[in-house]
N, C-alpha and C. Protein backbone atom coordinates (compact mmCIF):
# COMPACT_ATOMS: atom_id res chain seq x y z
N MET A 1 100.19 -150.63 -71.67
CA MET A 1 99.92 -150.14 -72.58
C MET A 1 99.45 -148.63 -72.12
N LEU A 2 98.72 -148.72 -71.20
CA LEU A 2 98.34 -147.71 -70.40
C LEU A 2 99.18 -146.66 -69.60
N PRO A 3 100.10 -147.18 -69.31
CA PRO A 3 101.25 -146.27 -68.71
C PRO A 3 101.81 -145.55 -69.91
N LEU A 4 101.87 -146.41 -70.92
CA LEU A 4 102.39 -145.74 -72.25
C LEU A 4 101.50 -144.55 -72.79
N LEU A 5 100.30 -144.58 -72.86
CA LEU A 5 99.44 -143.52 -73.37
C LEU A 5 99.23 -142.28 -71.91
N LYS A 6 99.51 -142.82 -70.83
CA LYS A 6 99.54 -141.63 -69.90
C LYS A 6 100.71 -140.61 -70.24
N LYS A 7 101.74 -141.61 -70.14
CA LYS A 7 103.11 -140.60 -70.50
C LYS A 7 103.07 -139.50 -71.77
N ILE A 8 102.22 -140.25 -73.01
CA ILE A 8 102.10 -139.56 -74.14
C ILE A 8 101.37 -138.26 -73.71
N GLY A 9 100.30 -138.46 -73.12
CA GLY A 9 99.16 -137.45 -72.55
C GLY A 9 99.92 -136.53 -71.75
N GLU A 10 101.02 -137.14 -70.60
CA GLU A 10 101.85 -135.77 -70.13
C GLU A 10 102.90 -134.94 -71.00
N ILE A 11 103.22 -135.63 -72.13
CA ILE A 11 104.21 -134.85 -72.98
C ILE A 11 103.37 -133.60 -73.49
N ILE A 12 102.09 -134.34 -74.33
CA ILE A 12 101.48 -133.43 -74.75
C ILE A 12 101.32 -132.44 -74.24
N ALA A 13 100.74 -132.42 -72.78
CA ALA A 13 99.92 -131.38 -71.94
C ALA A 13 101.17 -130.62 -71.69
N ASN A 14 102.41 -130.80 -71.09
CA ASN A 14 103.69 -129.92 -70.94
C ASN A 14 104.29 -129.18 -72.15
N TRP A 15 104.10 -129.87 -73.63
CA TRP A 15 104.18 -129.30 -74.48
C TRP A 15 103.23 -128.32 -74.86
N TRP A 16 101.71 -128.30 -74.61
CA TRP A 16 100.92 -127.67 -74.95
C TRP A 16 100.76 -126.48 -73.75
N SER A 17 101.28 -126.43 -73.03
CA SER A 17 101.29 -125.70 -71.49
C SER A 17 102.31 -124.40 -71.42
N GLU A 18 103.22 -124.66 -72.56
CA GLU A 18 104.28 -123.50 -73.16
C GLU A 18 103.82 -122.83 -73.98
N PHE A 19 102.76 -122.65 -74.64
CA PHE A 19 102.39 -121.86 -75.70
C PHE A 19 101.43 -120.73 -74.68
N THR A 20 101.51 -119.34 -75.28
CA THR A 20 100.59 -118.47 -74.80
C THR A 20 99.35 -118.62 -75.12
N LEU A 21 98.48 -117.71 -74.37
CA LEU A 21 96.97 -118.10 -74.56
C LEU A 21 96.62 -117.62 -75.93
N GLN A 22 97.23 -116.57 -76.59
CA GLN A 22 96.90 -115.99 -77.77
C GLN A 22 97.54 -117.40 -78.72
N THR A 23 98.56 -117.83 -78.60
CA THR A 23 99.00 -119.08 -79.65
C THR A 23 97.70 -120.10 -79.80
N LYS A 24 97.33 -120.62 -78.33
CA LYS A 24 96.49 -121.41 -78.32
C LYS A 24 94.91 -121.07 -78.75
N LEU A 25 94.73 -120.04 -78.60
CA LEU A 25 93.25 -119.53 -79.39
C LEU A 25 93.43 -119.50 -80.92
N MET A 26 94.57 -119.03 -81.16
CA MET A 26 94.91 -119.31 -82.61
C MET A 26 94.54 -120.70 -83.18
N ALA A 27 95.45 -121.51 -82.80
CA ALA A 27 95.16 -122.75 -82.93
C ALA A 27 93.80 -123.67 -82.98
N VAL A 28 93.33 -123.19 -81.76
CA VAL A 28 91.65 -123.69 -81.47
C VAL A 28 90.86 -123.16 -82.65
N ILE A 29 91.25 -121.87 -82.99
CA ILE A 29 90.12 -121.15 -83.96
C ILE A 29 90.58 -121.70 -85.58
N THR A 30 91.87 -121.79 -85.94
CA THR A 30 92.20 -122.42 -86.74
C THR A 30 91.58 -124.01 -86.95
N LEU A 31 91.49 -124.47 -86.37
CA LEU A 31 91.11 -125.83 -86.23
C LEU A 31 89.59 -125.89 -86.36
N ILE A 32 89.15 -125.14 -85.99
CA ILE A 32 87.53 -124.92 -86.04
C ILE A 32 87.02 -124.19 -87.33
N VAL A 33 87.80 -123.50 -87.88
CA VAL A 33 87.63 -123.00 -89.28
C VAL A 33 87.95 -123.95 -90.33
N SER A 34 88.88 -124.89 -90.30
CA SER A 34 89.38 -126.07 -90.84
C SER A 34 88.24 -127.02 -90.81
N LEU A 35 87.94 -127.44 -89.92
CA LEU A 35 86.75 -128.49 -89.65
C LEU A 35 85.61 -127.73 -90.41
N LEU A 36 85.10 -126.69 -90.27
CA LEU A 36 83.84 -126.17 -90.82
C LEU A 36 83.78 -126.13 -92.73
N MET A 37 84.99 -125.26 -92.82
CA MET A 37 85.40 -125.57 -94.38
C MET A 37 85.46 -127.00 -94.64
N SER A 38 85.96 -127.82 -94.23
CA SER A 38 85.61 -129.14 -94.80
C SER A 38 84.31 -129.58 -94.77
N SER A 39 83.57 -129.20 -93.88
CA SER A 39 81.95 -129.76 -93.69
C SER A 39 81.49 -129.08 -94.86
N PHE A 40 81.43 -128.14 -95.13
CA PHE A 40 80.85 -127.40 -96.21
C PHE A 40 81.33 -128.10 -97.64
N SER A 41 82.79 -128.16 -97.83
CA SER A 41 83.34 -128.74 -99.08
C SER A 41 82.58 -130.13 -99.11
N PHE A 42 82.61 -131.09 -98.26
CA PHE A 42 82.01 -132.32 -98.34
C PHE A 42 80.58 -132.31 -98.61
N TRP A 43 79.72 -131.66 -97.92
CA TRP A 43 78.56 -131.13 -98.38
C TRP A 43 78.39 -130.95 -99.66
N ALA A 44 79.13 -129.89 -100.15
CA ALA A 44 79.03 -129.31 -101.24
C ALA A 44 79.21 -130.53 -102.44
N VAL A 45 80.30 -131.11 -102.44
CA VAL A 45 80.57 -132.19 -103.37
C VAL A 45 79.37 -133.38 -103.16
N ASN A 46 79.16 -133.52 -102.00
CA ASN A 46 77.77 -134.90 -101.96
C ASN A 46 76.55 -134.35 -102.49
N ALA A 47 76.39 -133.10 -102.55
CA ALA A 47 75.42 -132.62 -103.16
C ALA A 47 75.43 -132.30 -105.03
N ILE A 48 76.57 -132.42 -105.41
CA ILE A 48 76.93 -132.31 -106.75
C ILE A 48 76.64 -134.12 -107.39
N GLN A 49 77.09 -134.88 -106.38
CA GLN A 49 77.37 -136.11 -106.95
C GLN A 49 75.89 -136.37 -106.75
N GLU A 50 75.16 -136.12 -106.00
CA GLU A 50 73.63 -136.70 -105.83
C GLU A 50 72.87 -136.12 -106.96
N ASP A 51 73.07 -134.93 -107.26
CA ASP A 51 72.48 -134.25 -108.58
C ASP A 51 73.13 -135.03 -110.03
N ALA A 52 74.19 -135.59 -109.82
CA ALA A 52 74.69 -136.12 -111.12
C ALA A 52 73.90 -137.46 -111.15
N ARG A 53 74.14 -138.10 -110.07
CA ARG A 53 73.08 -139.40 -110.08
C ARG A 53 71.91 -139.44 -110.30
N LEU A 54 71.38 -138.23 -109.80
CA LEU A 54 69.72 -138.16 -110.39
C LEU A 54 69.72 -138.02 -111.94
N ASN A 55 70.82 -136.86 -112.60
CA ASN A 55 70.78 -136.70 -113.91
C ASN A 55 71.08 -138.00 -114.91
N ASP A 56 72.09 -138.92 -114.41
CA ASP A 56 72.45 -140.21 -115.07
C ASP A 56 71.14 -141.30 -115.04
N THR A 57 70.47 -141.14 -113.92
CA THR A 57 68.90 -141.82 -114.09
C THR A 57 67.92 -141.34 -115.12
N ARG A 58 67.67 -140.29 -115.18
CA ARG A 58 66.85 -139.39 -116.00
C ARG A 58 67.50 -139.79 -117.47
N TYR A 59 68.66 -139.33 -117.74
CA TYR A 59 69.32 -139.90 -119.01
C TYR A 59 68.92 -141.32 -119.49
N GLY A 60 69.53 -141.94 -118.72
CA GLY A 60 68.93 -143.38 -118.90
C GLY A 60 67.37 -143.76 -119.49
N ARG A 61 66.77 -143.04 -118.41
CA ARG A 61 65.76 -143.30 -118.50
C ARG A 61 64.78 -143.00 -119.94
N ASP A 62 65.48 -141.62 -120.29
CA ASP A 62 65.11 -140.73 -121.88
C ASP A 62 65.36 -142.07 -122.68
N LEU A 63 66.65 -142.36 -122.64
CA LEU A 63 67.47 -143.17 -123.87
C LEU A 63 66.70 -144.39 -124.00
N GLY A 64 66.49 -144.74 -122.81
CA GLY A 64 65.45 -146.17 -122.93
C GLY A 64 64.20 -145.80 -123.68
N LEU A 65 63.42 -144.64 -123.29
CA LEU A 65 62.43 -144.44 -123.93
C LEU A 65 62.37 -144.06 -125.62
N LEU A 66 63.74 -143.41 -125.70
CA LEU A 66 64.03 -143.19 -127.02
C LEU A 66 64.46 -144.40 -128.13
N LEU A 67 64.77 -145.26 -127.15
CA LEU A 67 65.11 -146.69 -128.28
C LEU A 67 64.08 -147.44 -128.08
N ALA A 68 63.24 -147.54 -127.41
CA ALA A 68 62.00 -148.44 -127.49
C ALA A 68 60.96 -147.46 -128.17
N ALA A 69 60.77 -146.40 -128.38
CA ALA A 69 59.97 -145.85 -129.50
C ALA A 69 60.47 -145.95 -131.01
N ASN A 70 61.81 -145.89 -130.93
CA ASN A 70 62.47 -146.05 -132.43
C ASN A 70 62.62 -147.57 -132.82
N VAL A 71 63.54 -148.09 -132.04
CA VAL A 71 63.68 -149.22 -132.22
C VAL A 71 62.67 -150.37 -132.27
N ALA A 72 61.63 -150.47 -131.25
CA ALA A 72 61.05 -151.48 -131.28
C ALA A 72 59.99 -151.75 -132.50
N PRO A 73 59.56 -150.39 -133.11
CA PRO A 73 59.05 -151.11 -134.52
C PRO A 73 59.84 -151.63 -135.33
N LEU A 74 60.99 -151.18 -135.45
CA LEU A 74 61.91 -151.77 -136.62
C LEU A 74 62.19 -153.26 -136.48
N VAL A 75 62.06 -153.68 -135.02
CA VAL A 75 62.51 -154.76 -134.64
C VAL A 75 61.22 -155.95 -134.95
N ALA A 76 59.87 -155.21 -134.62
CA ALA A 76 58.53 -156.23 -134.85
C ALA A 76 58.83 -156.31 -136.39
N GLU A 77 59.16 -155.17 -137.16
CA GLU A 77 58.93 -155.50 -138.69
C GLU A 77 60.00 -156.38 -139.02
N GLY A 78 61.12 -156.89 -138.32
CA GLY A 78 61.91 -157.46 -139.11
C GLY A 78 63.23 -156.77 -139.69
N ASP A 79 63.09 -155.52 -139.60
CA ASP A 79 64.12 -155.02 -140.24
C ASP A 79 65.51 -154.80 -139.85
N ARG A 80 66.17 -155.77 -139.73
CA ARG A 80 67.48 -155.74 -138.45
C ARG A 80 68.43 -155.01 -139.63
N ASN A 81 68.58 -154.61 -140.58
CA ASN A 81 69.70 -153.49 -141.21
C ASN A 81 69.64 -151.99 -140.68
N GLU A 82 68.35 -151.70 -140.55
CA GLU A 82 67.72 -150.16 -140.12
C GLU A 82 68.36 -150.43 -138.55
N VAL A 83 68.29 -151.18 -137.87
CA VAL A 83 68.45 -151.27 -136.56
C VAL A 83 69.93 -151.05 -136.33
C-alpha cells in the first residue's frame, strides 16, 4: 500500500511541476478564497439555525403559557365543550 501512495504522490508532484508559478498561485488563492467563503456560509447558516431554535423555544413557552392561562380554568370548571 505504501509504494502505491508514493507512486501517486510522485505522479501528482510531476503533474503539479508542469504548471507555471502564476497558475499555481491562482489555484492556491482560489482554494483559499473558496475555503473562506465556505467557512462564512457555514457560520451564517449555523447562526440562523441557532436563532431559529431559540425562537422555537420561545414560541413553545409562550404557547404553553397561553394554553395554561386559558384552558386551565375551563378544565377546572369541567367545561369540556369550550375546551
